[in-house]
């Protein structure tokens, strides 16, 4: 069974295992630091907000709580925060 479904092309995907909203975020570099990723994905409003979220243990990377705001996030990683699940994908400029 597919873990994701979308009832409309306009709605985000939902992860059937964790029942949280899921979004695919594409990066065009080899990696992006966790705090920068949170801003890029829209999960944090500012760098300071991202720092607070990570320090409070609210961010998970690949299912584990991550307290390192400089953690390198690479294509294939999954970041979870605030009920959202972000899958990181490689963009055109980034080889897989």
N, C-alpha and C. Protein backbone atom coordinates (compact mmCIF):
# COMPACT_ATOMS: atom_id res chain seq x y z
N UNK A 1 0.84 -1.19 0.00
CA UNK A 1 0.00 0.00 0.00
C UNK A 1 0.87 1.24 0.00
N UNK A 2 0.51 2.22 -0.75
CA UNK A 2 1.22 3.48 -0.79
C UNK A 2 1.00 4.22 0.52
N UNK A 3 2.07 4.79 1.09
CA UNK A 3 1.97 5.51 2.36
C UNK A 3 1.33 6.88 2.21
N UNK A 4 1.19 7.36 0.99
CA UNK A 4 0.68 8.71 0.78
C UNK A 4 -0.52 8.68 -0.16
N UNK A 5 -1.43 9.59 0.08
CA UNK A 5 -2.54 9.75 -0.83
C UNK A 5 -2.86 11.23 -0.94
N UNK A 6 -3.49 11.60 -2.00
CA UNK A 6 -3.89 12.99 -2.19
C UNK A 6 -5.28 12.97 -2.80
N UNK A 7 -6.23 13.58 -2.10
CA UNK A 7 -7.60 13.57 -2.59
C UNK A 7 -7.81 14.60 -3.70
N UNK A 8 -6.92 15.55 -3.81
CA UNK A 8 -7.00 16.56 -4.85
C UNK A 8 -5.59 17.03 -5.15
N UNK A 9 -5.35 17.46 -6.37
CA UNK A 9 -4.02 17.94 -6.73
C UNK A 9 -3.67 19.22 -5.97
N UNK A 10 -4.65 19.89 -5.42
CA UNK A 10 -4.42 21.14 -4.71
C UNK A 10 -4.13 20.93 -3.22
N UNK A 11 -4.33 19.74 -2.70
CA UNK A 11 -4.12 19.48 -1.28
C UNK A 11 -2.78 18.83 -1.04
N UNK A 12 -2.17 19.08 0.14
CA UNK A 12 -0.90 18.41 0.45
C UNK A 12 -1.13 16.93 0.70
N UNK A 13 -0.05 16.17 0.67
CA UNK A 13 -0.12 14.74 0.95
C UNK A 13 -0.22 14.50 2.44
N UNK A 14 -0.77 13.36 2.83
CA UNK A 14 -0.85 12.97 4.23
C UNK A 14 -0.15 11.63 4.39
N UNK A 15 0.65 11.51 5.41
CA UNK A 15 1.33 10.27 5.71
C UNK A 15 0.36 9.38 6.47
N UNK A 16 0.07 8.20 5.93
CA UNK A 16 -0.90 7.31 6.55
C UNK A 16 -0.38 6.73 7.87
N UNK A 17 0.94 6.58 8.00
CA UNK A 17 1.50 6.03 9.24
C UNK A 17 1.41 6.99 10.40
N UNK A 18 1.74 8.27 10.16
CA UNK A 18 1.80 9.22 11.26
C UNK A 18 0.65 10.23 11.25
N UNK A 19 -0.19 10.18 10.22
CA UNK A 19 -1.35 11.07 10.07
C UNK A 19 -0.98 12.55 10.19
N UNK A 20 0.19 12.91 9.72
CA UNK A 20 0.57 14.31 9.69
C UNK A 20 0.64 14.75 8.23
N UNK A 21 0.57 16.04 8.02
CA UNK A 21 0.67 16.56 6.66
C UNK A 21 2.10 16.36 6.18
N UNK A 22 2.25 16.05 4.91
CA UNK A 22 3.56 15.78 4.34
C UNK A 22 3.78 16.66 3.12
N UNK A 23 5.00 17.16 2.99
CA UNK A 23 5.34 18.02 1.86
C UNK A 23 6.73 17.65 1.37
N UNK A 24 6.94 17.69 0.08
CA UNK A 24 8.25 17.43 -0.49
C UNK A 24 8.93 18.77 -0.74
N UNK A 25 10.14 18.92 -0.19
CA UNK A 25 10.91 20.14 -0.35
C UNK A 25 12.13 19.80 -1.19
N UNK A 26 12.33 20.52 -2.27
CA UNK A 26 13.45 20.28 -3.17
C UNK A 26 14.58 21.25 -2.89
N UNK A 27 15.79 20.70 -2.75
CA UNK A 27 16.97 21.55 -2.58
C UNK A 27 17.89 21.35 -3.76
N UNK A 28 18.66 22.36 -4.10
CA UNK A 28 19.54 22.28 -5.26
C UNK A 28 21.01 22.27 -4.86
N UNK A 29 21.28 22.02 -3.61
CA UNK A 29 22.64 21.93 -3.10
C UNK A 29 22.83 20.55 -2.51
N UNK A 30 24.07 20.22 -2.17
CA UNK A 30 24.37 18.90 -1.59
C UNK A 30 23.65 18.72 -0.25
N UNK A 31 23.58 19.80 0.54
CA UNK A 31 22.91 19.76 1.83
C UNK A 31 22.45 21.16 2.20
N UNK A 32 21.63 21.23 3.24
CA UNK A 32 21.20 22.50 3.82
C UNK A 32 21.15 22.28 5.33
N UNK A 33 21.58 23.27 6.10
CA UNK A 33 21.58 23.13 7.55
C UNK A 33 20.13 23.15 8.06
N UNK A 34 19.90 22.44 9.17
CA UNK A 34 18.55 22.28 9.70
C UNK A 34 17.85 23.61 9.93
N UNK A 35 18.52 24.58 10.56
CA UNK A 35 17.85 25.86 10.82
C UNK A 35 17.50 26.58 9.52
N UNK A 36 18.37 26.51 8.54
CA UNK A 36 18.08 27.12 7.24
C UNK A 36 16.93 26.38 6.54
N UNK A 37 16.92 25.06 6.69
CA UNK A 37 15.85 24.26 6.09
C UNK A 37 14.50 24.64 6.67
N UNK A 38 14.43 24.83 7.99
CA UNK A 38 13.16 25.17 8.63
C UNK A 38 12.63 26.50 8.10
N UNK A 39 13.52 27.47 7.87
CA UNK A 39 13.10 28.74 7.28
C UNK A 39 12.66 28.54 5.82
N UNK A 40 13.45 27.79 5.06
CA UNK A 40 13.17 27.55 3.64
C UNK A 40 11.83 26.85 3.45
N UNK A 41 11.52 25.89 4.33
CA UNK A 41 10.28 25.12 4.22
C UNK A 41 9.08 25.88 4.77
N UNK A 42 9.33 26.99 5.47
CA UNK A 42 8.24 27.77 6.04
C UNK A 42 7.81 27.31 7.42
N UNK A 43 8.58 26.43 8.03
CA UNK A 43 8.25 25.93 9.37
C UNK A 43 8.67 26.91 10.45
N UNK A 44 9.59 27.82 10.12
CA UNK A 44 10.05 28.85 11.06
C UNK A 44 10.00 30.20 10.33
N UNK A 45 9.62 31.23 11.07
CA UNK A 45 9.51 32.56 10.47
C UNK A 45 10.86 33.25 10.30
N UNK A 46 11.76 33.02 11.26
CA UNK A 46 13.08 33.67 11.25
C UNK A 46 14.13 32.66 11.67
N UNK A 47 15.39 33.05 11.52
CA UNK A 47 16.47 32.20 11.99
C UNK A 47 16.43 32.01 13.50
N UNK A 48 16.05 33.05 14.22
CA UNK A 48 15.93 32.96 15.67
C UNK A 48 14.83 31.99 16.08
N UNK A 49 13.73 32.04 15.35
CA UNK A 49 12.62 31.13 15.61
C UNK A 49 13.05 29.69 15.34
N UNK A 50 13.79 29.46 14.26
CA UNK A 50 14.29 28.12 13.93
C UNK A 50 15.21 27.62 15.04
N UNK A 51 16.08 28.50 15.52
CA UNK A 51 17.01 28.15 16.60
C UNK A 51 16.24 27.72 17.85
N UNK A 52 15.19 28.46 18.19
CA UNK A 52 14.38 28.13 19.37
C UNK A 52 13.67 26.78 19.20
N UNK A 53 13.13 26.53 18.01
CA UNK A 53 12.43 25.27 17.76
C UNK A 53 13.37 24.08 17.92
N UNK A 54 14.57 24.20 17.38
CA UNK A 54 15.54 23.10 17.47
C UNK A 54 16.00 22.93 18.91
N UNK A 55 16.31 24.03 19.60
CA UNK A 55 16.78 23.96 20.99
C UNK A 55 15.72 23.35 21.91
N UNK A 56 14.45 23.55 21.58
CA UNK A 56 13.36 23.01 22.39
C UNK A 56 13.08 21.54 22.08
N UNK A 57 13.81 20.98 21.13
CA UNK A 57 13.63 19.57 20.79
C UNK A 57 12.39 19.29 19.97
N UNK A 58 11.90 20.29 19.25
CA UNK A 58 10.68 20.12 18.47
C UNK A 58 10.92 19.57 17.07
N UNK A 59 12.18 19.50 16.65
CA UNK A 59 12.49 19.02 15.30
C UNK A 59 13.00 17.58 15.35
N UNK A 60 12.50 16.77 14.43
CA UNK A 60 12.99 15.40 14.27
C UNK A 60 13.58 15.27 12.88
N UNK A 61 14.72 14.59 12.80
CA UNK A 61 15.34 14.29 11.52
C UNK A 61 15.42 12.76 11.41
N UNK A 62 14.78 12.24 10.40
CA UNK A 62 14.72 10.78 10.19
C UNK A 62 14.22 10.04 11.42
N UNK A 63 13.20 10.64 12.08
CA UNK A 63 12.55 10.00 13.20
C UNK A 63 13.19 10.21 14.56
N UNK A 64 14.32 10.91 14.62
CA UNK A 64 15.01 11.15 15.89
C UNK A 64 15.05 12.64 16.19
N UNK A 65 14.81 13.00 17.46
CA UNK A 65 14.89 14.40 17.88
C UNK A 65 16.31 14.89 17.60
N UNK A 66 16.40 16.07 17.00
CA UNK A 66 17.69 16.66 16.66
C UNK A 66 17.83 18.00 17.35
N UNK A 67 18.88 18.16 18.14
CA UNK A 67 19.13 19.42 18.84
C UNK A 67 20.25 20.22 18.19
N UNK A 68 20.74 19.76 17.04
CA UNK A 68 21.83 20.45 16.34
C UNK A 68 21.26 21.28 15.21
N UNK A 69 21.25 22.61 15.37
CA UNK A 69 20.66 23.44 14.33
C UNK A 69 21.51 23.46 13.06
N UNK A 70 22.77 23.05 13.17
CA UNK A 70 23.65 22.98 12.01
C UNK A 70 23.68 21.61 11.35
N UNK A 71 22.80 20.71 11.79
CA UNK A 71 22.72 19.36 11.21
C UNK A 71 22.54 19.46 9.71
N UNK A 72 23.33 18.72 8.95
CA UNK A 72 23.24 18.74 7.49
C UNK A 72 22.07 17.88 7.03
N UNK A 73 21.13 18.52 6.35
CA UNK A 73 19.96 17.84 5.81
C UNK A 73 20.23 17.60 4.33
N UNK A 74 20.10 16.34 3.92
CA UNK A 74 20.43 15.95 2.55
C UNK A 74 19.20 15.34 1.87
N UNK A 75 19.20 15.29 0.53
CA UNK A 75 18.10 14.62 -0.16
C UNK A 75 17.92 13.20 0.38
N UNK A 76 16.66 12.84 0.61
CA UNK A 76 16.34 11.55 1.19
C UNK A 76 16.01 11.63 2.67
N UNK A 77 16.43 12.71 3.33
CA UNK A 77 16.11 12.90 4.75
C UNK A 77 14.66 13.31 4.92
N UNK A 78 14.13 13.04 6.11
CA UNK A 78 12.77 13.44 6.47
C UNK A 78 12.86 14.29 7.73
N UNK A 79 12.28 15.49 7.68
CA UNK A 79 12.27 16.40 8.82
C UNK A 79 10.82 16.54 9.28
N UNK A 80 10.59 16.37 10.58
CA UNK A 80 9.25 16.51 11.14
C UNK A 80 9.26 17.61 12.19
N UNK A 81 8.25 18.46 12.12
CA UNK A 81 8.12 19.54 13.11
C UNK A 81 6.70 20.09 13.07
N UNK A 82 6.14 20.32 14.23
CA UNK A 82 4.82 20.95 14.32
C UNK A 82 3.72 20.24 13.55
N UNK A 83 3.72 18.92 13.53
CA UNK A 83 2.68 18.20 12.82
C UNK A 83 2.90 18.10 11.32
N UNK A 84 4.01 18.64 10.84
CA UNK A 84 4.34 18.57 9.42
C UNK A 84 5.49 17.60 9.21
N UNK A 85 5.48 16.97 8.06
CA UNK A 85 6.54 16.03 7.68
C UNK A 85 7.08 16.49 6.33
N UNK A 86 8.37 16.82 6.31
CA UNK A 86 9.00 17.32 5.08
C UNK A 86 9.98 16.28 4.55
N UNK A 87 9.77 15.86 3.32
CA UNK A 87 10.70 14.96 2.65
C UNK A 87 11.60 15.81 1.78
N UNK A 88 12.90 15.59 1.88
CA UNK A 88 13.87 16.38 1.13
C UNK A 88 14.22 15.65 -0.16
N UNK A 89 14.08 16.36 -1.28
CA UNK A 89 14.38 15.80 -2.60
C UNK A 89 15.47 16.62 -3.28
N UNK A 90 16.20 15.98 -4.17
CA UNK A 90 17.25 16.66 -4.93
C UNK A 90 16.64 17.43 -6.09
N UNK A 91 17.10 18.66 -6.29
CA UNK A 91 16.64 19.46 -7.41
C UNK A 91 17.44 19.19 -8.66
N UNK A 92 17.21 19.95 -9.71
CA UNK A 92 17.86 19.75 -11.00
C UNK A 92 19.38 19.85 -10.94
N UNK A 93 19.90 20.80 -10.16
CA UNK A 93 21.34 21.02 -10.10
C UNK A 93 22.07 20.02 -9.22
N UNK A 94 21.33 19.24 -8.44
CA UNK A 94 21.90 18.32 -7.47
C UNK A 94 21.82 16.88 -7.95
N UNK A 95 22.95 16.18 -8.14
CA UNK A 95 22.86 14.76 -8.51
C UNK A 95 22.35 13.94 -7.33
N UNK A 96 21.66 12.86 -7.62
CA UNK A 96 21.10 12.00 -6.57
C UNK A 96 22.14 11.06 -6.04
